[in-house]
Amino acid sequence: MSPARKRRRWVIAIDGPAGVGKSTVGHLVAKSLGYRFINTGEMYRALTWKVLEENIDFRAAGKVARLAKRLKWEFRPTEEGTTLKTTLDGEAVTVHIRDERVSRNSSLVAGIPEVRRFLRKLQRDLGRDGGIVMEGRDITTNVFADAEVKVYLDASIEERALRRYRQLKASGHEGSLDRIQEGILSRDRMDLERKINPLRQTEDSVFIDSTRLSLREVAQRILECVRERRRGLSR
């Protein structure tokens, strides 16, 4: 019997490039199922913030990996109880990881093999007993290749840039739509060309193009995939 079959509750794994709405969709799906949700990219950004705080050279892969292992990692639910947020040494990182320097350097941290192996273990521990929706870049391919439901979420580059632009405006920040699009394309290249665990769609993932869908509609499609899978197993 595979590890997936032993879990009483399921792992819902969602992969996809930047700006497709994985976090919002993942939260909606988790809330509907009564599961927990975690955005694994937050872990890499949290570590990036710590690297900056301790003035460590991003090219010093060994030092970055040792820092990751030295920190006390905790994942605490928010007040509404669905989303798990990262804390490092007891400190919440949500505000810190919005820093532009963090966004600019997080791909460097994510490209360090030893860091990815360490964080993969934390991610697997979080989902060991199921009951979790997890999103990232390598959840369906590496972290939970045995997830009961796998989804690859995508959207056009224009729509993804527009969503990011609207997010910035809503939070009171200005942004250039062209610059945002350039940044997303650059991130795509790094994610797709990364030597360790690059972003890719597995054959058994459900592909959803969210370009012309609301994020609630995307969440409903994923929930329908969950229902169909359950019906299939009960026959």
Protein backbone atom coordinates (compact mmCIF):
# COMPACT_ATOMS: atom_id res chain seq x y z
CA MET A 1 0.00 0.00 0.00
CA SER A 2 1.41 3.40 -0.95
CA PRO A 3 1.89 6.19 1.65
CA ALA A 4 -0.98 8.12 0.05
CA ARG A 5 -3.45 5.32 0.77
CA LYS A 6 -2.53 5.27 4.47
CA ARG A 7 -3.61 8.87 5.05
CA ARG A 8 -7.10 9.22 6.45
CA ARG A 9 -7.30 12.76 5.12
CA TRP A 10 -5.77 13.83 1.84
CA VAL A 11 -2.99 16.04 0.55
CA ILE A 12 -4.07 18.49 -2.14
CA ALA A 13 -0.96 19.64 -4.03
CA ILE A 14 -1.02 22.77 -6.19
CA ASP A 15 1.87 23.88 -8.40
CA GLY A 16 2.19 26.68 -10.90
CA PRO A 17 4.14 29.81 -11.80
CA ALA A 18 4.03 33.17 -10.01
CA GLY A 19 0.87 35.23 -10.09
CA VAL A 20 -1.72 32.57 -10.92
CA GLY A 21 -3.57 32.84 -7.62
CA LYS A 22 -2.34 29.65 -5.96
CA SER A 23 -2.45 31.10 -2.44
CA THR A 24 -5.99 32.48 -2.67
CA VAL A 25 -7.26 29.33 -4.36
CA GLY A 26 -5.44 27.07 -1.91
CA HIS A 27 -6.93 28.90 1.05
CA LEU A 28 -10.45 28.65 -0.39
CA VAL A 29 -10.08 24.93 -1.06
CA ALA A 30 -8.65 24.25 2.40
CA LYS A 31 -11.42 26.22 4.10
CA SER A 32 -14.09 24.30 2.20
CA LEU A 33 -12.55 20.94 3.15
CA GLY A 34 -11.77 21.86 6.74
CA TYR A 35 -8.07 21.38 5.98
CA ARG A 36 -5.01 23.51 6.72
CA PHE A 37 -3.31 25.54 4.00
CA ILE A 38 0.32 26.51 3.56
CA ASN A 39 2.14 28.50 0.92
CA THR A 40 5.59 26.89 0.79
CA GLY A 41 7.08 29.88 -1.02
CA GLU A 42 6.71 31.75 2.25
CA MET A 43 9.34 29.45 3.75
CA TYR A 44 11.91 30.42 1.13
CA ARG A 45 11.10 34.10 1.51
CA ALA A 46 11.37 33.81 5.30
CA LEU A 47 14.82 32.30 5.01
CA THR A 48 15.79 34.98 2.48
CA TRP A 49 14.82 37.66 4.99
CA LYS A 50 16.98 35.99 7.65
CA VAL A 51 19.93 35.81 5.25
CA LEU A 52 19.59 39.55 4.66
CA GLU A 53 19.25 40.22 8.38
CA GLU A 54 22.45 38.33 9.13
CA ASN A 55 24.28 39.84 6.14
CA ILE A 56 25.16 36.45 4.65
CA ASP A 57 26.32 36.31 1.04
CA PHE A 58 23.65 34.55 -1.05
CA ARG A 59 26.43 32.85 -3.01
CA ALA A 60 27.64 31.15 0.19
CA ALA A 61 25.29 28.18 -0.18
CA GLY A 62 26.73 26.29 2.77
CA LYS A 63 26.25 29.21 5.15
CA VAL A 64 22.68 29.73 3.96
CA ALA A 65 21.89 26.03 4.48
CA ARG A 66 23.45 26.04 7.95
CA LEU A 67 21.38 29.10 8.86
CA ALA A 68 18.20 27.29 7.75
CA LYS A 69 19.00 24.35 10.00
CA ARG A 70 19.93 26.54 12.96
CA LEU A 71 16.62 28.42 13.01
CA LYS A 72 13.57 27.28 14.95
CA TRP A 73 10.82 26.80 12.35
CA GLU A 74 7.18 26.84 13.44
CA PHE A 75 3.96 26.99 11.44
CA ARG A 76 1.12 28.55 13.37
CA PRO A 77 -2.51 28.86 12.25
CA THR A 78 -3.95 32.32 11.80
CA GLU A 79 -6.95 33.39 13.88
CA GLU A 80 -9.40 32.02 11.33
CA GLY A 81 -7.63 28.68 11.65
CA THR A 82 -7.05 27.65 8.04
CA THR A 83 -3.76 29.16 6.91
CA LEU A 84 -0.46 28.20 8.53
CA LYS A 85 2.01 31.09 8.80
CA THR A 86 5.76 30.73 9.17
CA THR A 87 7.59 31.90 12.29
CA LEU A 88 11.37 31.88 12.74
CA ASP A 89 12.77 31.75 16.24
CA GLY A 90 9.32 32.72 17.50
CA GLU A 91 8.98 35.76 15.25
CA ALA A 92 6.21 36.07 12.64
CA VAL A 93 7.66 36.90 9.23
CA THR A 94 4.58 37.98 7.27
CA VAL A 95 5.50 41.68 7.24
CA HIS A 96 9.23 41.14 6.72
CA ILE A 97 8.89 38.96 3.63
CA ARG A 98 7.03 41.69 1.72
CA ASP A 99 10.32 43.61 1.46
CA GLU A 100 11.39 44.13 -2.16
CA ARG A 101 14.88 42.83 -1.33
CA VAL A 102 13.31 39.56 -0.24
CA SER A 103 11.37 39.21 -3.48
CA ARG A 104 14.46 40.01 -5.50
CA ASN A 105 16.66 37.39 -3.81
CA SER A 106 14.32 34.54 -2.85
CA SER A 107 15.01 32.64 -6.09
CA LEU A 108 18.70 32.50 -5.15
CA VAL A 109 17.82 30.82 -1.86
CA ALA A 110 15.32 28.50 -3.55
CA GLY A 111 18.04 27.33 -5.94
CA ILE A 112 20.29 25.95 -3.19
CA PRO A 113 19.92 22.12 -3.19
CA GLU A 114 20.64 21.64 0.51
CA VAL A 115 18.06 24.29 1.42
CA ARG A 116 15.44 22.63 -0.76
CA ARG A 117 16.12 19.24 0.82
CA PHE A 118 15.83 20.69 4.32
CA LEU A 119 12.59 22.57 3.62
CA ARG A 120 11.17 19.57 1.78
CA LYS A 121 11.48 17.59 5.02
CA LEU A 122 9.59 20.31 6.92
CA GLN A 123 6.90 20.34 4.23
CA ARG A 124 6.52 16.57 4.30
CA ASP A 125 6.24 16.64 8.07
CA LEU A 126 3.42 19.17 7.79
CA GLY A 127 1.50 16.97 5.39
CA ARG A 128 2.42 13.57 6.81
CA ASP A 129 -1.07 12.93 8.18
CA GLY A 130 -2.90 14.64 5.32
CA GLY A 131 -5.62 17.22 5.81
CA ILE A 132 -3.59 19.90 4.07
CA VAL A 133 -3.59 21.96 0.89
CA MET A 134 -0.03 22.83 -0.08
CA GLU A 135 1.05 25.11 -2.90
CA GLY A 136 4.43 25.85 -4.42
CA ARG A 137 6.61 24.99 -7.39
CA ASP A 138 7.55 21.36 -6.73
CA ILE A 139 4.78 20.00 -4.50
CA THR A 140 3.29 17.64 -7.11
CA THR A 141 6.67 16.55 -8.47
CA ASN A 142 8.87 16.29 -5.39
CA VAL A 143 7.38 17.11 -2.00
CA PHE A 144 4.18 15.08 -2.37
CA ALA A 145 4.48 13.09 -5.57
CA ASP A 146 1.92 10.73 -3.95
CA ALA A 147 -0.66 13.47 -3.27
CA GLU A 148 -4.23 12.27 -3.70
CA VAL A 149 -5.09 15.30 -5.84
CA LYS A 150 -2.56 17.22 -7.95
CA VAL A 151 -3.28 20.49 -9.71
CA TYR A 152 -1.18 22.60 -12.07
CA LEU A 153 -2.54 26.13 -12.14
CA ASP A 154 -1.60 28.56 -14.91
CA ALA A 155 -2.73 31.81 -16.57
CA SER A 156 -1.55 34.11 -19.34
CA ILE A 157 1.42 36.35 -18.54
CA GLU A 158 -0.74 39.42 -19.14
CA GLU A 159 -3.37 38.30 -16.65
CA ARG A 160 -0.78 37.32 -14.06
CA ALA A 161 0.92 40.71 -14.30
CA LEU A 162 -2.42 42.49 -14.06
CA ARG A 163 -3.35 40.55 -10.91
CA ARG A 164 -0.06 41.49 -9.26
CA TYR A 165 -0.55 45.11 -10.29
CA ARG A 166 -4.03 45.16 -8.73
CA GLN A 167 -2.69 43.58 -5.54
CA LEU A 168 -0.09 46.33 -5.24
CA LYS A 169 -2.66 49.06 -5.85
CA ALA A 170 -5.03 47.54 -3.29
CA SER A 171 -2.27 47.58 -0.67
CA GLY A 172 -1.44 51.21 -1.38
CA HIS A 173 1.70 50.63 -3.44
CA GLU A 174 2.45 51.89 -6.93
CA GLY A 175 3.84 49.63 -9.62
CA SER A 176 4.66 49.55 -13.31
CA LEU A 177 2.66 46.93 -15.20
CA ASP A 178 5.50 46.44 -17.69
CA ARG A 179 8.06 46.04 -14.93
CA ILE A 180 5.84 43.58 -13.07
CA GLN A 181 5.47 41.51 -16.24
CA GLU A 182 9.23 41.52 -16.80
CA GLY A 183 9.75 40.36 -13.22
CA ILE A 184 7.28 37.49 -13.60
CA LEU A 185 8.92 36.35 -16.85
CA SER A 186 12.31 36.42 -15.15
CA ARG A 187 10.96 34.37 -12.25
CA ASP A 188 9.42 31.90 -14.70
CA ARG A 189 12.79 31.34 -16.36
CA MET A 190 14.48 30.69 -13.02
CA ASP A 191 11.73 28.31 -11.87
CA LEU A 192 11.69 26.36 -15.13
CA GLU A 193 15.47 26.20 -15.60
CA ARG A 194 16.41 25.50 -11.97
CA LYS A 195 18.67 22.45 -11.80
CA ILE A 196 17.01 20.99 -8.70
CA ASN A 197 13.25 20.36 -8.71
CA PRO A 198 12.28 22.77 -11.51
CA LEU A 199 8.68 23.77 -12.07
CA ARG A 200 6.88 21.35 -14.36
CA GLN A 201 3.48 19.74 -14.80
CA THR A 202 3.18 16.04 -14.01
CA GLU A 203 1.17 13.70 -16.21
CA ASP A 204 -1.29 13.02 -13.41
CA SER A 205 -1.90 16.69 -12.52
CA VAL A 206 -5.18 18.39 -13.43
CA PHE A 207 -4.35 21.43 -15.57
CA ILE A 208 -6.44 24.54 -14.93
CA ASP A 209 -6.06 27.76 -16.93
CA SER A 210 -7.34 30.52 -14.66
CA THR A 211 -6.99 33.37 -17.18
CA ARG A 212 -10.74 33.78 -17.68
CA LEU A 213 -11.88 32.33 -14.36
CA SER A 214 -12.38 33.96 -11.01
CA LEU A 215 -10.29 32.45 -8.24
CA ARG A 216 -13.50 31.16 -6.60
CA GLU A 217 -14.34 29.38 -9.85
CA VAL A 218 -10.88 27.82 -9.86
CA ALA A 219 -11.36 26.66 -6.26
CA GLN A 220 -14.70 25.10 -7.19
CA ARG A 221 -13.08 23.19 -10.04
CA ILE A 222 -10.47 21.78 -7.66
CA LEU A 223 -13.14 20.80 -5.16
CA GLU A 224 -14.98 19.00 -7.94
CA CYS A 225 -11.74 17.13 -8.74
CA VAL A 226 -11.61 16.08 -5.09
CA ARG A 227 -15.22 14.87 -5.20
CA GLU A 228 -14.65 12.96 -8.43
CA ARG A 229 -11.55 11.27 -7.03
CA ARG A 230 -13.44 10.24 -3.90
CA ARG A 231 -16.30 8.86 -5.96
CA GLY A 232 -13.83 6.90 -8.07
CA LEU A 233 -12.21 5.32 -5.02
CA SER A 234 -15.56 4.38 -3.47
CA ARG A 235 -16.71 2.36 -6.48
